[in-house]
C-alpha atoms as a PDB file:
ATOM      1  CA  MET A   1      91.949  96.624  97.974  1.00  0.00           C
ATOM      2  CA  GLN A   2      90.233  94.362  95.377  1.00  0.00           C
ATOM      3  CA  ALA A   3      94.224  93.111  94.049  1.00  0.00           C
ATOM      4  CA  ALA A   4      94.644  92.670  98.166  1.00  0.00           C
ATOM      5  CA  GLY A   5      91.994  89.505  97.520  1.00  0.00           C
ATOM      6  CA  PHE A   6      89.604  91.966  99.205  1.00  0.00           C
ATOM      7  CA  THR A   7      85.585  91.333  98.266  1.00  0.00           C
ATOM      8  CA  LEU A   8      84.147  94.832  97.463  1.00  0.00           C
ATOM      9  CA  LEU A   9      80.662  94.810  99.187  1.00  0.00           C
ATOM     10  CA  ALA A  10      79.464  98.719  98.767  1.00  0.00           C
ATOM     11  CA  ARG A  11      81.134 102.003  97.594  1.00  0.00           C
ATOM     12  CA  ASN A  12      79.944 105.060  99.970  1.00  0.00           C
ATOM     13  CA  TYR A  13      77.301 103.396 101.907  1.00  0.00           C
ATOM     14  CA  ARG A  14      75.143 105.939 102.763  1.00  0.00           C
ATOM     15  CA  CYS A  15      72.220 105.886 105.976  1.00  0.00           C
ATOM     16  CA  ARG A  16      70.636 108.281 108.439  1.00  0.00           C
ATOM     17  CA  ALA A  17      74.001 106.966 110.876  1.00  0.00           C
ATOM     18  CA  GLY A  18      76.060 108.213 108.254  1.00  0.00           C
ATOM     19  CA  GLU A  19      78.634 107.209 105.379  1.00  0.00           C
ATOM     20  CA  LEU A  20      81.076 104.457 104.405  1.00  0.00           C
ATOM     21  CA  ASP A  21      83.216 105.283 102.032  1.00  0.00           C
ATOM     22  CA  ILE A  22      84.459 101.183 101.179  1.00  0.00           C
ATOM     23  CA  VAL A  23      82.984  98.122 103.051  1.00  0.00           C
ATOM     24  CA  ALA A  24      85.453  95.216 102.075  1.00  0.00           C
ATOM     25  CA  ARG A  25      85.587  91.440 103.030  1.00  0.00           C
ATOM     26  CA  ARG A  26      88.087  89.193 102.737  1.00  0.00           C
ATOM     27  CA  GLY A  27      87.774  85.777 104.542  1.00  0.00           C
ATOM     28  CA  PRO A  28      86.210  85.717 107.704  1.00  0.00           C
ATOM     29  CA  LEU A  29      87.572  89.627 107.694  1.00  0.00           C
ATOM     30  CA  LEU A  30      84.995  92.573 107.201  1.00  0.00           C
ATOM     31  CA  VAL A  31      86.859  95.853 106.457  1.00  0.00           C
ATOM     32  CA  ILE A  32      85.659  99.234 106.366  1.00  0.00           C
ATOM     33  CA  ALA A  33      87.721 102.014 104.978  1.00  0.00           C
ATOM     34  CA  GLU A  34      87.864 105.823 104.692  1.00  0.00           C
ATOM     35  CA  VAL A  35      89.218 107.348 101.976  1.00  0.00           C
ATOM     36  CA  ARG A  36      91.056 111.020 102.097  1.00  0.00           C
ATOM     37  CA  LEU A  37      92.401 112.933 100.018  1.00  0.00           C
ATOM     38  CA  ARG A  38      94.350 116.308 100.932  1.00  0.00           C
ATOM     39  CA  SER A  39      95.815 118.594  98.533  1.00  0.00           C
ATOM     40  CA  SER A  40      99.098 118.957 100.697  1.00  0.00           C
ATOM     41  CA  ALA A  41     100.771 117.812 103.714  1.00  0.00           C
ATOM     42  CA  LEU A  42     100.236 120.852 105.471  1.00  0.00           C
ATOM     43  CA  PHE A  43      97.773 120.931 108.445  1.00  0.00           C
ATOM     44  CA  GLY A  44      98.754 117.044 109.252  1.00  0.00           C
ATOM     45  CA  GLY A  45      97.852 115.439 105.320  1.00  0.00           C
ATOM     46  CA  ALA A  46      95.436 113.385 104.542  1.00  0.00           C
ATOM     47  CA  ALA A  47      95.758 110.678 107.108  1.00  0.00           C
ATOM     48  CA  ALA A  48      95.650 113.148 110.608  1.00  0.00           C
ATOM     49  CA  SER A  49      92.278 114.690 108.898  1.00  0.00           C
ATOM     50  CA  VAL A  50      90.379 111.215 110.325  1.00  0.00           C
ATOM     51  CA  GLY A  51      89.993 113.093 113.457  1.00  0.00           C
ATOM     52  CA  ALA A  52      87.849 111.593 116.732  1.00  0.00           C
ATOM     53  CA  ALA A  53      84.067 112.953 115.146  1.00  0.00           C
ATOM     54  CA  LYS A  54      85.054 111.420 112.054  1.00  0.00           C
ATOM     55  CA  ARG A  55      85.879 108.049 113.716  1.00  0.00           C
ATOM     56  CA  ARG A  56      82.412 108.463 115.947  1.00  0.00           C
ATOM     57  CA  ARG A  57      80.391 109.156 112.532  1.00  0.00           C
ATOM     58  CA  ILE A  58      82.048 106.309 110.816  1.00  0.00           C
ATOM     59  CA  LEU A  59      81.580 103.622 114.106  1.00  0.00           C
ATOM     60  CA  ARG A  60      77.352 104.612 114.163  1.00  0.00           C
ATOM     61  CA  ALA A  61      77.592 104.098 110.291  1.00  0.00           C
ATOM     62  CA  ALA A  62      79.438 100.688 111.124  1.00  0.00           C
ATOM     63  CA  ARG A  63      76.697  99.465 113.790  1.00  0.00           C
ATOM     64  CA  TYR A  64      73.889 100.522 111.796  1.00  0.00           C
ATOM     65  CA  LEU A  65      75.209  98.512 108.665  1.00  0.00           C
ATOM     66  CA  LEU A  66      75.936  95.281 111.317  1.00  0.00           C
ATOM     67  CA  ALA A  67      72.481  95.840 112.577  1.00  0.00           C
ATOM     68  CA  ARG A  68      70.947  95.662 109.111  1.00  0.00           C
ATOM     69  CA  GLN A  69      72.854  93.110 107.769  1.00  0.00           C
ATOM     70  CA  PRO A  70      73.250  90.118 110.412  1.00  0.00           C
ATOM     71  CA  GLN A  71      75.321  87.637 107.643  1.00  0.00           C
ATOM     72  CA  LEU A  72      78.313  90.624 108.084  1.00  0.00           C
ATOM     73  CA  ALA A  73      77.925  90.970 112.355  1.00  0.00           C
ATOM     74  CA  ALA A  74      79.761  87.308 112.591  1.00  0.00           C
ATOM     75  CA  LEU A  75      83.228  88.566 110.887  1.00  0.00           C
ATOM     76  CA  ALA A  76      86.278  90.221 112.851  1.00  0.00           C
ATOM     77  CA  VAL A  77      85.304  93.994 111.654  1.00  0.00           C
ATOM     78  CA  ARG A  78      88.682  96.216 110.860  1.00  0.00           C
ATOM     79  CA  PHE A  79      88.810 100.036 110.264  1.00  0.00           C
ATOM     80  CA  ASP A  80      91.311 101.209 107.622  1.00  0.00           C
ATOM     81  CA  VAL A  81      92.487 104.751 106.423  1.00  0.00           C
ATOM     82  CA  LEU A  82      93.170 105.194 102.677  1.00  0.00           C
ATOM     83  CA  ALA A  83      95.212 108.238 102.579  1.00  0.00           C
ATOM     84  CA  SER A  84      96.901 110.158  99.400  1.00  0.00           C
ATOM     85  CA  GLU A  85      98.096 113.959  98.739  1.00  0.00           C
ATOM     86  CA  ALA A  86      96.763 114.722  95.576  1.00  0.00           C
ATOM     87  CA  GLY A  87      99.395 115.091  92.929  1.00  0.00           C
ATOM     88  CA  SER A  88     101.247 111.752  94.171  1.00  0.00           C
ATOM     89  CA  ALA A  89     100.648 108.165  92.500  1.00  0.00           C
ATOM     90  CA  GLU A  90     101.575 106.989  96.577  1.00  0.00           C
ATOM     91  CA  LEU A  91      98.529 105.372  98.224  1.00  0.00           C
ATOM     92  CA  ASP A  92      99.130 105.390 102.462  1.00  0.00           C
ATOM     93  CA  TRP A  93      97.107 101.813 103.703  1.00  0.00           C
ATOM     94  CA  ILE A  94      96.961 102.200 107.072  1.00  0.00           C
ATOM     95  CA  GLU A  95      95.427  99.289 108.375  1.00  0.00           C
ATOM     96  CA  GLY A  96      93.637  99.142 111.604  1.00  0.00           C
ATOM     97  CA  ALA A  97      93.904 102.923 112.256  1.00  0.00           C
ATOM     98  CA  PHE A  98      91.565 102.804 115.233  1.00  0.00           C
END
């Protein structure tokens, strides 16, 4: 993400509402990224492992972060997924995943 011009604001941000893997900013855009690694592509792979319950936990943690960081609350927010299979050098960056 840094190579794409993002400034990393937090890694593994933990709060009572949950955890955010990566919080990064580029200009007026705040990206909250979920990082998923799976040992194989069976059962849908890494990206498919971000189900409805996980999305709800991420949204709840993001609301918590934005409520406590008013300077971030004014930014446009996008939720991305960074997915990879073990043993692969390829990273699938899904922008606006949900």
